[in-house]
Amino acid sequence: MNNRRFFGIALFAIALVACYAQSVKAQNDQCRDILQNGTVQYSRIKDNSYFKQIIYSRFMSSSYEQAKTDTTGGFGVPVGEIVLGGNFTNDQFNEKKRNLEKENYQSITASRELDVALTSGDATIIKAWSDCMKNKGGISLKFDVASPTEIFATLQWFPTDTLRETTIEEDINLPPGASITQGAGCFKSGRVLIMNRPCEAVIKLPDALTTLAFAVNTPGGSTRAYLPQRIERIKETKNYAITEPNVLNASAYRDNKKVKSSIQLSDEQIVQGWILDVDSANLNLEILRALDGNYCKKRQIVLNSYAFEYELEAEGNRNGAGRNSSAVCKLTPSIMLSRERWVPMSSRVSTN
C-alpha cells in the first residue's frame, strides 16, 4: 500500500470518527433540547421559583427588543412580559436590570436550563426527558429538591445497543459544607450502574444559596446535573413616611396661591431596591374654609419610580359672596413603597 493510498484511507477513517462523534453529540443533545419543544406552560411559570430563575436569567441577558418578542423555550410569552408585565418602556426595562444587578442573583446559563427545569418537578418535562433517555440510552442524573438544604440525586443507566451496564470512572467532589448522608457509594469510582437499577443518594447542603454541579463520566458516556440556588421572588411593601414638609397648606385671600412639593426617595432607599408604587399614591385634600366662589385644587405629576410632584392651589375669589374671606386648604399625600427581591426559600419548597 503506497503512502498516498494509506493517507487517503486514514483521512476517510478520521472523517468517519468525526461523523460518529457528531452523531453521538446530536443524540446526547437531543434530550437536552426538550425545552425547545414547547413543554413549558406559562401557568406553571407564574408560581414556580425555578422557572422564574430561568426567565430572569434570560431577561438579564436580553436586549429590550428581545425581551419584547423572544418566546423561545416554549414559554409562549416574551420574557419581558413575565418580568415586567405586558406594556413596559425601555427606561423600565433598564431600571429593572439595574435593580437585579444590585442583588446577589446567580444567573443560569442556557446549558443549565434543562437541569433547572427538571429540578422544578414539572411532570411534562420529566416525562419528556425520561422518554427520550429510554429511547436514546446512556447515563442520566437528576436532582430532586426535598427542602432548601436536602437534595435527592438519582443516577441511572439506560442501556444502549452495545452496553447493558457501565462504570463510574472517578469520585464526585462536593462543595464546601455539603455531605452525602445516604447512598454515598452511588458516586464513587468503580460503581457499576446496571440497567433498570437507579442509584439514589441524599445530599445535605449547608444553606439554600449553595449550588450543586455534578459531572459523571463513564466508558458509556457522560452526563451532568446542576442545582441552582433555592431562592424565590417576593414582593415587599410598606408605607412611605410622610413628614410635615410634605404636607401642603395654602391660604388665599382675594388672590390665587399655589404650593408645590415632591416626594423623593433617598439614595439609601434606591440602593435597597425600593421604588414608589405610584398606583397607590393618594392626595387627601381638606378644604378647611372656602365660601361661595372660593376653591381648592390638587394636582399630581409622576416623574419616575423614585420621585413624583404634587401641587395645592387655593383661590380666594375677588368677587361674589366669598370675596372678603380666605380659602384655606390642606393637602396630605400618601404612597406605598414596594420592592421585589430574591430571597432564600423557606424551610419547605412548594410544589406546582
Protein backbone atom coordinates (compact mmCIF):
# COMPACT_ATOMS: atom_id res chain seq x y z
CA MET A 1 0.00 0.00 0.00
CA ASN A 2 1.53 3.28 -1.06
CA ASN A 3 1.68 6.28 1.23
CA ARG A 4 -0.89 8.25 -0.77
CA ARG A 5 -3.46 5.45 -0.53
CA PHE A 6 -2.74 4.97 3.17
CA PHE A 7 -3.11 8.70 3.74
CA GLY A 8 -6.46 8.68 1.93
CA ILE A 9 -7.76 5.75 4.00
CA ALA A 10 -6.58 7.47 7.17
CA LEU A 11 -8.45 10.65 6.25
CA PHE A 12 -11.58 8.62 5.49
CA ALA A 13 -11.32 6.88 8.88
CA ILE A 14 -10.89 10.22 10.64
CA ALA A 15 -13.92 11.57 8.79
CA LEU A 16 -15.97 8.54 9.90
CA VAL A 17 -14.90 9.05 13.50
CA ALA A 18 -15.77 12.75 13.27
CA CYS A 19 -19.20 11.93 11.80
CA TYR A 20 -19.79 9.36 14.54
CA ALA A 21 -18.75 11.88 17.20
CA GLN A 22 -21.12 14.46 15.77
CA SER A 23 -23.88 11.83 15.68
CA VAL A 24 -23.27 10.91 19.32
CA LYS A 25 -23.23 14.60 20.25
CA ALA A 26 -26.50 15.12 18.42
CA GLN A 27 -28.01 12.18 20.31
CA ASN A 28 -26.72 13.50 23.63
CA ASP A 29 -28.10 16.94 22.86
CA GLN A 30 -31.44 15.54 21.79
CA CYS A 31 -32.75 15.05 25.33
CA ARG A 32 -31.34 18.39 26.44
CA ASP A 33 -33.39 20.19 23.80
CA ILE A 34 -36.82 19.35 25.16
CA LEU A 35 -37.30 22.94 26.39
CA GLN A 36 -37.36 23.96 22.72
CA ASN A 37 -40.37 21.74 22.08
CA GLY A 38 -43.00 23.73 23.92
CA THR A 39 -43.02 21.62 27.06
CA VAL A 40 -43.15 24.55 29.49
CA GLN A 41 -46.53 26.07 30.29
CA TYR A 42 -46.88 29.69 31.34
CA SER A 43 -49.42 28.78 34.04
CA ARG A 44 -46.65 26.87 35.81
CA ILE A 45 -44.05 29.60 35.44
CA LYS A 46 -46.09 32.10 37.43
CA ASP A 47 -45.79 30.16 40.70
CA ASN A 48 -42.65 28.08 40.19
CA SER A 49 -39.47 29.67 41.51
CA TYR A 50 -37.17 27.52 39.37
CA PHE A 51 -38.87 28.53 36.14
CA LYS A 52 -38.77 32.15 37.31
CA GLN A 53 -35.00 31.90 37.74
CA ILE A 54 -34.71 30.76 34.12
CA ILE A 55 -36.94 33.63 32.97
CA TYR A 56 -35.00 36.25 34.95
CA SER A 57 -31.69 34.89 33.63
CA ARG A 58 -32.98 35.20 30.08
CA PHE A 59 -34.24 38.68 30.90
CA MET A 60 -30.83 39.76 32.19
CA SER A 61 -29.10 38.57 29.01
CA SER A 62 -31.67 40.00 26.57
CA SER A 63 -31.98 43.35 24.87
CA TYR A 64 -35.11 45.47 25.14
CA GLU A 65 -36.28 44.26 21.71
CA GLN A 66 -35.62 40.60 22.58
CA ALA A 67 -37.48 40.90 25.88
CA LYS A 68 -40.46 42.21 23.91
CA THR A 69 -40.51 39.42 21.33
CA ASP A 70 -38.48 36.35 22.38
CA THR A 71 -40.70 33.33 23.04
CA THR A 72 -38.08 30.57 22.74
CA GLY A 73 -38.11 27.58 25.01
CA GLY A 74 -41.84 27.01 24.86
CA PHE A 75 -42.63 29.75 27.36
CA GLY A 76 -45.24 31.16 24.98
CA VAL A 77 -44.80 34.81 26.01
CA PRO A 78 -41.81 37.18 25.78
CA VAL A 79 -39.64 37.07 28.90
CA GLY A 80 -40.15 40.80 29.48
CA GLU A 81 -43.89 40.34 29.82
CA ILE A 82 -43.40 37.86 32.64
CA VAL A 83 -40.90 40.06 34.49
CA LEU A 84 -42.42 43.49 33.88
CA GLY A 85 -45.93 42.95 32.53
CA GLY A 86 -47.41 43.46 29.08
CA ASN A 87 -46.50 47.12 28.47
CA PHE A 88 -43.11 48.39 29.55
CA THR A 89 -40.81 51.11 28.33
CA ASN A 90 -37.11 50.99 27.61
CA ASP A 91 -36.50 53.00 30.78
CA GLN A 92 -38.48 50.50 32.87
CA PHE A 93 -36.56 47.65 31.23
CA ASN A 94 -33.17 49.19 32.08
CA GLU A 95 -34.30 50.14 35.58
CA LYS A 96 -35.35 46.55 36.32
CA LYS A 97 -31.99 45.29 35.07
CA ARG A 98 -30.15 47.73 37.32
CA ASN A 99 -32.17 46.61 40.32
CA LEU A 100 -31.45 42.94 39.58
CA GLU A 101 -27.74 43.64 39.21
CA LYS A 102 -27.69 45.05 42.74
CA GLU A 103 -28.84 41.70 44.12
CA ASN A 104 -26.79 38.60 44.72
CA TYR A 105 -28.70 36.90 41.93
CA GLN A 106 -26.98 33.98 40.25
CA SER A 107 -27.72 33.72 36.54
CA ILE A 108 -28.43 30.39 34.90
CA THR A 109 -26.68 29.66 31.63
CA ALA A 110 -28.62 28.24 28.70
CA SER A 111 -26.74 24.93 29.04
CA ARG A 112 -28.12 24.52 32.57
CA GLU A 113 -31.75 25.46 31.90
CA LEU A 114 -32.90 21.87 31.43
CA ASP A 115 -31.30 20.86 34.75
CA VAL A 116 -33.22 23.64 36.48
CA ALA A 117 -36.46 22.67 34.71
CA LEU A 118 -36.04 19.03 35.77
CA THR A 119 -35.42 20.19 39.34
CA SER A 120 -38.73 22.08 39.22
CA GLY A 121 -40.61 18.80 39.13
CA ASP A 122 -42.68 19.73 36.10
CA ALA A 123 -44.36 16.44 35.11
CA THR A 124 -44.43 17.26 31.38
CA ILE A 125 -40.70 17.97 31.23
CA ILE A 126 -39.72 14.97 33.37
CA LYS A 127 -41.81 12.63 31.20
CA ALA A 128 -40.32 14.05 28.01
CA TRP A 129 -36.82 13.67 29.45
CA SER A 130 -37.42 10.10 30.64
CA ASP A 131 -38.99 9.01 27.35
CA CYS A 132 -36.08 10.49 25.42
CA MET A 133 -33.47 8.79 27.62
CA LYS A 134 -35.20 5.41 27.31
CA ASN A 135 -35.11 5.68 23.55
CA LYS A 136 -31.62 7.13 23.30
CA GLY A 137 -29.86 5.21 26.05
CA GLY A 138 -26.95 6.42 28.11
CA ILE A 139 -26.41 7.82 31.58
CA SER A 140 -28.66 10.35 33.29
CA LEU A 141 -28.50 12.32 36.54
CA LYS A 142 -31.37 14.27 38.06
CA PHE A 143 -31.71 16.32 41.25
CA ASP A 144 -34.96 16.48 43.23
CA VAL A 145 -35.39 19.10 45.95
CA ALA A 146 -36.83 17.85 49.24
CA SER A 147 -36.05 21.08 51.10
CA PRO A 148 -33.70 24.04 50.57
CA THR A 149 -30.89 22.00 52.17
CA GLU A 150 -31.76 18.37 51.34
CA ILE A 151 -31.45 17.05 47.80
CA PHE A 152 -32.14 13.66 46.22
CA ALA A 153 -29.78 12.67 43.41
CA THR A 154 -30.81 9.87 41.06
CA LEU A 155 -28.17 8.34 38.81
CA GLN A 156 -29.40 5.89 36.19
CA TRP A 157 -28.04 3.91 33.26
CA PHE A 158 -30.31 3.42 30.27
CA PRO A 159 -28.94 0.52 28.18
CA THR A 160 -27.70 1.06 24.65
CA ASP A 161 -27.43 -1.43 21.83
CA THR A 162 -23.90 -2.32 22.89
CA LEU A 163 -23.80 -1.71 26.68
CA ARG A 164 -26.09 -3.16 29.35
CA GLU A 165 -24.10 -1.59 32.17
CA THR A 166 -21.35 0.97 32.77
CA THR A 167 -18.89 2.04 35.47
CA ILE A 168 -18.21 5.41 37.11
CA GLU A 169 -14.65 6.49 36.37
CA GLU A 170 -13.98 8.99 39.19
CA ASP A 171 -15.32 10.19 42.54
CA ILE A 172 -17.66 13.17 42.73
CA ASN A 173 -16.45 16.27 44.61
CA LEU A 174 -18.92 18.08 46.85
CA PRO A 175 -18.93 21.84 47.57
CA PRO A 176 -17.67 23.01 50.99
CA GLY A 177 -20.10 22.21 53.79
CA ALA A 178 -22.01 19.58 51.78
CA SER A 179 -22.19 15.87 52.55
CA ILE A 180 -23.85 12.71 51.23
CA THR A 181 -25.92 11.33 54.12
CA GLN A 182 -27.23 8.28 52.25
CA GLY A 183 -26.10 6.41 49.15
CA ALA A 184 -22.54 7.76 49.03
CA GLY A 185 -21.47 4.73 47.00
CA CYS A 186 -23.52 5.97 44.04
CA PHE A 187 -20.83 8.49 43.21
CA LYS A 188 -17.67 6.53 43.92
CA SER A 189 -15.15 5.49 41.31
CA GLY A 190 -15.78 1.90 40.18
CA ARG A 191 -19.51 1.94 40.90
CA VAL A 192 -21.26 -0.29 38.37
CA LEU A 193 -24.56 1.06 37.05
CA ILE A 194 -26.94 -1.62 35.81
CA MET A 195 -29.98 -1.20 33.57
CA ASN A 196 -33.26 -0.64 35.42
CA ARG A 197 -31.37 -0.19 38.72
CA PRO A 198 -31.30 3.56 39.60
CA CYS A 199 -28.80 4.58 42.23
CA GLU A 200 -30.16 7.15 44.70
CA ALA A 201 -28.33 9.37 47.19
CA VAL A 202 -29.32 12.05 49.68
CA ILE A 203 -27.16 15.18 49.71
CA LYS A 204 -27.17 17.69 52.57
CA LEU A 205 -26.23 21.28 51.70
CA PRO A 206 -25.29 23.98 54.24
CA ASP A 207 -27.89 26.53 53.08
CA ALA A 208 -30.33 27.44 50.33
CA LEU A 209 -27.74 29.54 48.47
CA THR A 210 -25.23 26.74 47.90
CA THR A 211 -25.38 25.42 44.33
CA LEU A 212 -24.54 21.92 43.19
CA ALA A 213 -22.90 20.84 39.94
CA PHE A 214 -22.01 17.24 39.16
CA ALA A 215 -20.37 15.70 36.10
CA VAL A 216 -20.37 11.92 35.89
CA ASN A 217 -18.03 10.17 33.44
CA THR A 218 -18.30 6.54 32.36
CA PRO A 219 -17.00 4.49 29.42
CA GLY A 220 -20.53 4.58 28.04
CA GLY A 221 -20.81 8.35 28.08
CA SER A 222 -21.03 11.36 30.38
CA THR A 223 -23.76 13.39 31.98
CA ARG A 224 -24.09 16.26 34.38
CA ALA A 225 -26.70 18.00 36.50
CA TYR A 226 -26.93 21.44 38.05
CA LEU A 227 -28.90 22.58 41.09
CA PRO A 228 -29.45 26.35 41.31
CA GLN A 229 -29.87 28.41 44.42
CA ARG A 230 -33.15 27.64 46.17
CA ILE A 231 -34.45 31.20 46.02
CA GLU A 232 -37.81 32.78 45.38
CA ARG A 233 -39.02 36.15 44.20
CA ILE A 234 -41.02 38.02 46.84
CA LYS A 235 -42.68 41.42 46.86
CA GLU A 236 -42.48 43.69 49.89
CA THR A 237 -44.50 46.84 50.55
CA LYS A 238 -44.53 49.48 53.26
CA ASN A 239 -45.88 52.97 53.81
CA TYR A 240 -43.71 55.90 52.85
CA ALA A 241 -43.20 58.01 55.97
CA ILE A 242 -44.83 61.39 55.33
CA THR A 243 -43.10 64.23 57.16
CA GLU A 244 -44.54 67.69 57.87
CA PRO A 245 -42.73 69.38 54.92
CA ASN A 246 -44.61 67.01 52.61
CA VAL A 247 -47.98 68.26 53.93
CA LEU A 248 -49.05 71.35 51.99
CA ASN A 249 -51.06 74.24 53.40
CA ALA A 250 -52.35 77.16 51.39
CA SER A 251 -54.37 80.21 52.38
CA ALA A 252 -55.51 82.77 49.81
CA TYR A 253 -57.40 85.99 50.46
CA ARG A 254 -58.85 87.51 47.29
CA ASP A 255 -55.96 86.03 45.28
CA ASN A 256 -54.54 82.76 43.95
CA LYS A 257 -51.87 80.76 45.74
CA LYS A 258 -50.03 77.61 44.57
CA VAL A 259 -47.77 75.45 46.72
CA LYS A 260 -45.72 72.63 45.21
CA SER A 261 -43.70 69.83 46.78
CA SER A 262 -42.34 66.39 45.90
CA ILE A 263 -41.51 63.02 47.37
CA GLN A 264 -38.00 61.85 46.50
CA LEU A 265 -36.52 58.55 47.59
CA SER A 266 -33.14 58.71 49.29
CA ASP A 267 -30.03 57.11 47.78
CA GLU A 268 -30.15 54.52 50.55
CA GLN A 269 -33.75 53.56 49.71
CA ILE A 270 -32.89 53.27 46.00
CA VAL A 271 -29.85 51.08 46.72
CA GLN A 272 -32.10 48.86 48.85
CA GLY A 273 -34.32 48.35 45.81
CA TRP A 274 -37.33 50.41 46.92
CA ILE A 275 -39.48 52.22 44.37
CA LEU A 276 -42.58 54.38 44.70
CA ASP A 277 -45.77 52.46 43.97
CA VAL A 278 -47.38 55.29 42.01
CA ASP A 279 -50.63 53.35 41.66
CA SER A 280 -51.06 53.59 45.42
CA ALA A 281 -50.49 57.36 45.55
CA ASN A 282 -53.28 59.39 47.11
CA LEU A 283 -53.61 63.12 47.74
CA ASN A 284 -56.03 63.81 50.57
CA LEU A 285 -57.46 67.31 50.07
CA GLU A 286 -59.04 69.04 53.06
CA ILE A 287 -60.99 72.25 52.47
CA LEU A 288 -60.76 74.00 55.81
CA ARG A 289 -62.52 77.13 54.55
CA ALA A 290 -63.92 78.06 51.17
CA LEU A 291 -67.02 80.24 50.99
CA ASP A 292 -69.01 80.79 47.83
CA GLY A 293 -66.66 81.44 44.92
CA ASN A 294 -63.52 80.16 46.66
CA TYR A 295 -61.98 76.77 45.90
CA CYS A 296 -59.08 74.35 46.47
CA LYS A 297 -57.40 72.20 43.82
CA LYS A 298 -54.80 69.42 43.78
CA ARG A 299 -52.54 68.07 41.06
CA GLN A 300 -50.08 65.17 40.84
CA ILE A 301 -47.16 64.71 38.43
CA VAL A 302 -45.39 61.35 38.27
CA LEU A 303 -41.71 61.84 37.41
CA ASN A 304 -40.35 58.27 37.69
CA SER A 305 -40.23 55.36 40.10
CA TYR A 306 -38.19 57.38 42.58
CA ALA A 307 -39.93 60.76 42.65
CA PHE A 308 -43.22 62.50 42.00
CA GLU A 309 -44.50 66.04 42.46
CA TYR A 310 -47.81 67.36 43.73
CA GLU A 311 -49.37 70.80 43.92
CA LEU A 312 -52.02 72.53 46.02
CA GLU A 313 -53.87 75.56 44.72
CA ALA A 314 -56.07 77.89 46.73
CA GLU A 315 -58.24 80.54 45.06
CA GLY A 316 -59.66 83.42 47.10
CA ASN A 317 -62.37 84.93 44.90
CA ARG A 318 -62.22 88.69 44.39
CA ASN A 319 -65.94 88.89 43.68
CA GLY A 320 -69.11 87.30 44.93
CA ALA A 321 -70.25 86.30 48.39
CA GLY A 322 -66.87 84.94 49.48
CA ARG A 323 -64.70 87.79 48.26
CA ASN A 324 -63.89 89.01 51.77
CA SER A 325 -62.93 85.56 53.12
CA SER A 326 -59.93 83.31 52.69
CA ALA A 327 -59.72 79.92 51.01
CA VAL A 328 -57.83 77.68 53.45
CA CYS A 329 -56.66 74.29 52.10
CA LYS A 330 -54.55 71.35 53.29
CA LEU A 331 -53.08 68.55 51.17
CA THR A 332 -51.66 65.38 52.71
CA PRO A 333 -50.03 62.84 50.36
CA SER A 334 -49.73 59.10 50.97
CA ILE A 335 -47.92 56.47 48.96
CA MET A 336 -46.55 52.97 49.36
CA LEU A 337 -43.02 51.79 48.76
CA SER A 338 -42.50 48.42 47.09
CA ARG A 339 -39.64 46.20 46.04
CA GLU A 340 -39.11 42.71 44.70
CA ARG A 341 -36.23 40.60 45.94
CA TRP A 342 -34.75 37.14 45.51
CA VAL A 343 -34.52 35.55 48.96
CA PRO A 344 -33.65 32.03 50.17
CA MET A 345 -36.62 29.71 50.15
CA SER A 346 -38.32 28.88 53.42
CA SER A 347 -37.88 25.54 55.15
CA ARG A 348 -40.17 23.82 52.70
CA VAL A 349 -40.36 24.09 48.91
CA SER A 350 -43.84 24.36 47.44
CA THR A 351 -44.63 22.10 44.51
CA ASN A 352 -46.63 23.14 41.49
